[in-house]
Amino acid sequence: MTPDWDVVGYVISSEHRTKVLGRLAEGPATPTQIASDVDLSVTHVSRALSSLRERELVELLVPEDRRKGRVYGITDLGGETWETIQAKDLTK
């Protein structure tokens, strides 16, 4: 599959989005776990998750109305995008 360079560029234009997507490539996690693992504030992680969800790179794995224990995972598109970023060594 040909990478969508617009999506790749969108992710790598933000260190926060890059870190969050990379962390979710390792497996599903809550915003608090992600923040701890990539050394970002939960606020930055939440913003990054929100923008990555809009691009359908990550998804919420629990019901939308759940406020605690929200677990996020990477989508197929997110996985493909992350593979391209890794293969081309586009992380900072």
Protein backbone atom coordinates (compact mmCIF):
# COMPACT_ATOMS: atom_id res chain seq x y z
CA MET A 1 0.00 0.00 0.00
CA THR A 2 1.23 3.48 -0.86
CA PRO A 3 1.67 5.64 2.24
CA ASP A 4 -0.59 8.65 2.63
CA TRP A 5 2.08 11.33 2.92
CA ASP A 6 -0.48 13.92 4.00
CA VAL A 7 -1.29 11.78 7.05
CA VAL A 8 2.38 10.98 7.71
CA GLY A 9 3.23 14.69 7.54
CA TYR A 10 0.37 15.51 9.89
CA VAL A 11 1.62 13.06 12.53
CA ILE A 12 5.31 14.01 12.37
CA SER A 13 4.56 17.73 12.44
CA SER A 14 3.79 17.26 16.14
CA GLU A 15 6.20 15.60 18.55
CA HIS A 16 3.22 14.83 20.81
CA ARG A 17 1.24 13.07 18.05
CA THR A 18 4.36 11.15 17.04
CA LYS A 19 5.04 9.98 20.60
CA VAL A 20 1.40 9.01 21.25
CA LEU A 21 1.03 7.09 17.98
CA GLY A 22 4.34 5.33 18.58
CA ARG A 23 3.28 4.31 22.08
CA LEU A 24 -0.06 2.95 20.86
CA ALA A 25 1.77 0.96 18.16
CA GLU A 26 3.11 -1.09 21.09
CA GLY A 27 -0.39 -1.86 22.40
CA PRO A 28 -3.60 -0.34 23.79
CA ALA A 29 -3.32 2.06 26.74
CA THR A 30 -5.12 4.71 28.76
CA PRO A 31 -4.12 8.39 28.42
CA THR A 32 -2.47 8.22 31.86
CA GLN A 33 -0.38 5.19 30.84
CA ILE A 34 0.62 6.87 27.58
CA ALA A 35 1.58 10.08 29.39
CA SER A 36 3.75 8.14 31.81
CA ASP A 37 5.36 6.00 29.09
CA VAL A 38 6.28 8.88 26.75
CA ASP A 39 6.91 11.54 29.41
CA LEU A 40 4.15 13.98 28.40
CA SER A 41 1.39 15.61 30.42
CA VAL A 42 -2.03 13.96 30.27
CA THR A 43 -3.35 17.20 28.75
CA HIS A 44 -0.94 16.95 25.80
CA VAL A 45 -1.72 13.24 25.39
CA SER A 46 -5.48 13.92 25.40
CA ARG A 47 -5.09 16.63 22.73
CA ALA A 48 -2.93 14.35 20.59
CA LEU A 49 -5.41 11.46 20.97
CA SER A 50 -8.26 13.73 19.95
CA SER A 51 -6.51 14.90 16.78
CA LEU A 52 -5.33 11.36 15.93
CA ARG A 53 -8.91 10.09 16.36
CA GLU A 54 -10.18 12.74 13.94
CA ARG A 55 -7.79 11.32 11.34
CA GLU A 56 -8.88 7.75 12.25
CA LEU A 57 -5.36 6.77 13.31
CA VAL A 58 -6.40 5.75 16.82
CA GLU A 59 -9.71 4.57 18.25
CA LEU A 60 -11.43 4.42 21.60
CA LEU A 61 -11.76 0.76 22.60
CA VAL A 62 -14.36 1.29 25.36
CA PRO A 63 -17.85 2.85 25.16
CA GLU A 64 -17.80 6.55 24.27
CA ASP A 65 -19.70 7.58 27.43
CA ARG A 66 -17.11 6.05 29.73
CA ARG A 67 -15.09 8.73 31.52
CA LYS A 68 -12.65 6.62 33.58
CA GLY A 69 -10.45 3.89 32.17
CA ARG A 70 -10.72 5.02 28.57
CA VAL A 71 -8.51 2.66 26.59
CA TYR A 72 -7.21 3.66 23.17
CA GLY A 73 -5.76 1.51 20.42
CA ILE A 74 -4.18 2.08 17.04
CA THR A 75 -6.24 1.54 13.86
CA ASP A 76 -5.02 -0.27 10.74
CA LEU A 77 -4.40 3.11 9.11
CA GLY A 78 -2.54 4.26 12.22
CA GLY A 79 -0.40 1.12 12.15
CA GLU A 80 0.44 1.58 8.47
CA THR A 81 1.25 5.24 9.07
CA TRP A 82 3.52 4.37 12.00
CA GLU A 83 5.31 1.70 9.93
CA THR A 84 6.03 4.31 7.25
CA ILE A 85 7.31 6.79 9.84
CA GLN A 86 9.60 4.09 11.30
CA ALA A 87 10.77 2.75 7.92
CA LYS A 88 11.70 6.22 6.69
CA ASP A 89 13.17 7.18 10.10
CA LEU A 90 10.94 10.23 10.35
CA THR A 91 10.77 10.39 14.15
CA LYS A 92 12.67 13.20 15.81
